[in-house]
Amino acid sequence: MVAMKTEKKTGKREIKVWEIIKGIGYNPQEHKNIVVSYALKNLSAKVAGFFTNQFYVLSICENELVLIPYGEMTWSLKKEVALEVPFDSIKSVTVKEDGFNYIINIETSEDNIELTTQQKELSNVRMSGALSYTSIWGASWNWHQENLDETLESLQHLGE
């Protein structure tokens, strides 16, 4: 039996994300976009954040990580809205499990950025799934779920 390579699906929402990011001057890598939020430090903040948490698209681009508020992901997006972290400023990136999420810790030469992202197994019933769910002609998928493993793996190699 011959193993067949399967191609990752690309939905309208993910294509829109790529095109918008390209439109403001970045070169996003294919299938390296996920939905994240800033990590909250304690249980009280997590409970409060459950109702008010802001989500972002994290995109691994050619020379930098780009973080854009999900609500700003429109064709009128201005580059000034994006948080840009050049690869050459990244010292290390660690990823660890935290309940139903992953914590992404990005240590740069100037700061420490701690993000959280929802694990793929439950993302269809959580906010990352709602934000990245695509349905076209009866087929549906979740680009956050599809991209998560590859994106987290790539992130951990930054700063090496």
Protein backbone atom coordinates (compact mmCIF):
# COMPACT_ATOMS: atom_id res chain seq x y z
CA MET A 1 0.00 0.00 0.00
CA VAL A 2 1.39 3.42 -0.93
CA ALA A 3 1.12 6.15 1.68
CA MET A 4 -0.43 9.30 0.26
CA LYS A 5 0.69 12.71 1.43
CA THR A 6 -2.27 14.79 2.49
CA GLU A 7 -2.29 18.51 1.92
CA LYS A 8 -3.40 20.83 4.66
CA LYS A 9 -6.68 22.53 4.00
CA THR A 10 -6.77 26.27 3.65
CA GLY A 11 -9.98 28.08 4.44
CA LYS A 12 -11.32 31.45 3.44
CA ARG A 13 -10.60 32.93 6.87
CA GLU A 14 -6.98 31.78 6.81
CA ILE A 15 -6.48 33.04 3.25
CA LYS A 16 -7.92 36.37 4.39
CA VAL A 17 -5.46 36.45 7.33
CA TRP A 18 -2.50 35.77 4.98
CA GLU A 19 -3.62 38.37 2.47
CA ILE A 20 -4.18 41.05 5.11
CA ILE A 21 -0.77 40.40 6.69
CA LYS A 22 0.87 40.50 3.24
CA GLY A 23 -1.02 43.68 2.51
CA ILE A 24 0.70 45.53 5.35
CA GLY A 25 4.17 44.45 4.24
CA TYR A 26 4.95 41.10 5.88
CA ASN A 27 5.62 37.73 4.27
CA PRO A 28 3.68 35.16 6.37
CA GLN A 29 4.73 31.50 6.19
CA GLU A 30 2.08 29.09 4.98
CA HIS A 31 0.11 27.34 7.75
CA LYS A 32 1.99 29.17 10.50
CA ASN A 33 -0.94 31.20 11.90
CA ILE A 34 -2.70 30.45 15.18
CA VAL A 35 -5.08 32.22 17.56
CA VAL A 36 -3.49 33.37 20.85
CA SER A 37 -4.11 35.69 23.78
CA TYR A 38 -1.85 37.15 26.43
CA ALA A 39 -1.32 34.71 29.31
CA LEU A 40 -2.97 35.74 32.55
CA LYS A 41 -0.93 35.32 35.72
CA ASN A 42 -3.37 34.00 38.33
CA LEU A 43 -6.75 32.30 38.70
CA SER A 44 -8.62 35.55 39.44
CA ALA A 45 -7.23 37.13 36.28
CA LYS A 46 -8.14 34.00 34.31
CA VAL A 47 -11.75 34.12 35.55
CA ALA A 48 -12.05 37.84 34.73
CA GLY A 49 -10.27 37.31 31.42
CA PHE A 50 -12.74 34.60 30.46
CA PHE A 51 -15.28 37.37 29.82
CA THR A 52 -13.00 40.07 28.43
CA ASN A 53 -10.00 38.33 26.89
CA GLN A 54 -8.65 39.80 23.64
CA PHE A 55 -7.59 37.32 20.93
CA TYR A 56 -4.79 37.81 18.42
CA VAL A 57 -3.51 36.14 15.29
CA LEU A 58 0.11 35.05 15.75
CA SER A 59 1.80 34.68 12.39
CA ILE A 60 5.30 33.38 11.75
CA CYS A 61 6.56 35.52 8.90
CA GLU A 62 9.78 35.45 6.91
CA ASN A 63 11.87 37.51 9.36
CA GLU A 64 9.64 38.12 12.36
CA LEU A 65 6.71 37.05 14.50
CA VAL A 66 3.67 39.25 14.02
CA LEU A 67 0.85 39.59 16.54
CA ILE A 68 -2.35 41.34 15.40
CA PRO A 69 -5.57 41.86 17.41
CA TYR A 70 -8.19 39.60 15.86
CA GLY A 71 -10.74 42.42 15.76
CA GLU A 72 -8.34 44.53 13.67
CA MET A 73 -7.92 41.81 11.02
CA THR A 74 -9.61 43.80 8.25
CA TRP A 75 -8.54 45.09 4.85
CA SER A 76 -8.02 48.55 6.40
CA LEU A 77 -5.42 47.23 8.89
CA LYS A 78 -2.46 49.56 9.48
CA LYS A 79 1.01 48.13 10.10
CA GLU A 80 1.29 50.23 13.28
CA VAL A 81 -1.35 47.98 14.93
CA ALA A 82 0.87 44.88 14.65
CA LEU A 83 3.35 43.87 17.31
CA GLU A 84 6.47 42.85 15.41
CA VAL A 85 9.14 40.67 17.06
CA PRO A 86 12.19 40.32 14.77
CA PHE A 87 13.75 36.85 14.81
CA ASP A 88 17.18 38.28 15.62
CA SER A 89 15.82 39.73 18.90
CA ILE A 90 14.47 36.35 20.08
CA LYS A 91 16.68 34.56 22.61
CA SER A 92 14.39 31.58 23.18
CA VAL A 93 10.84 30.29 22.89
CA THR A 94 9.41 27.67 25.22
CA VAL A 95 6.04 25.95 25.01
CA LYS A 96 4.44 24.09 27.91
CA GLU A 97 1.02 22.60 28.58
CA ASP A 98 -1.25 24.43 31.01
CA GLY A 99 -4.63 22.74 31.51
CA PHE A 100 -6.52 22.98 28.22
CA ASN A 101 -4.00 25.46 26.79
CA TYR A 102 -0.35 25.89 25.90
CA ILE A 103 1.77 28.70 27.34
CA ILE A 104 4.18 30.22 24.82
CA ASN A 105 7.02 32.15 26.45
CA ILE A 106 9.02 34.32 24.05
CA GLU A 107 12.19 35.72 25.59
CA THR A 108 13.64 38.62 23.62
CA SER A 109 16.68 40.80 24.20
CA GLU A 110 14.38 43.45 25.72
CA ASP A 111 11.32 41.69 27.17
CA ASN A 112 9.45 38.50 27.95
CA ILE A 113 6.17 37.91 26.10
CA GLU A 114 3.88 35.24 27.53
CA LEU A 115 0.99 34.07 25.37
CA THR A 116 -1.56 31.30 25.69
CA THR A 117 -3.17 29.26 22.93
CA GLN A 118 -5.96 26.73 23.10
CA GLN A 119 -5.10 23.09 22.50
CA LYS A 120 -6.43 21.73 19.24
CA GLU A 121 -8.46 18.84 20.65
CA LEU A 122 -11.11 21.15 22.14
CA SER A 123 -10.67 24.15 19.86
CA ASN A 124 -13.87 23.38 17.94
CA VAL A 125 -15.87 24.15 21.10
CA ARG A 126 -13.68 27.03 22.32
CA MET A 127 -12.98 30.55 21.07
CA SER A 128 -9.99 29.64 18.88
CA GLY A 129 -12.27 27.35 16.93
CA ALA A 130 -14.99 29.96 16.59
CA LEU A 131 -12.46 32.48 15.26
CA SER A 132 -10.72 30.07 12.87
CA TYR A 133 -13.58 27.84 11.73
CA THR A 134 -14.16 27.74 7.97
CA SER A 135 -16.92 26.14 5.97
CA ILE A 136 -16.94 26.05 2.18
CA TRP A 137 -19.28 23.99 0.00
CA GLY A 138 -20.17 21.61 2.82
CA ALA A 139 -16.58 20.99 3.89
CA SER A 140 -15.45 22.52 7.17
CA TRP A 141 -12.25 22.78 9.15
CA ASN A 142 -10.49 24.82 11.79
CA TRP A 143 -7.21 26.40 10.63
CA HIS A 144 -6.02 27.02 14.21
CA GLN A 145 -6.40 23.29 14.86
CA GLU A 146 -4.71 22.36 11.57
CA ASN A 147 -1.76 24.73 12.13
CA LEU A 148 -1.14 24.36 15.87
CA ASP A 149 1.41 21.50 16.01
CA GLU A 150 3.55 22.80 13.15
CA THR A 151 3.45 26.38 14.44
CA LEU A 152 4.39 25.44 18.02
CA GLU A 153 7.24 23.28 16.71
CA SER A 154 8.55 26.13 14.54
CA LEU A 155 8.28 28.62 17.41
CA GLN A 156 10.46 26.45 19.65
CA HIS A 157 13.29 26.58 17.11
CA LEU A 158 13.42 30.37 17.09
CA GLY A 159 16.37 31.80 18.98
CA GLU A 160 18.52 28.71 18.53
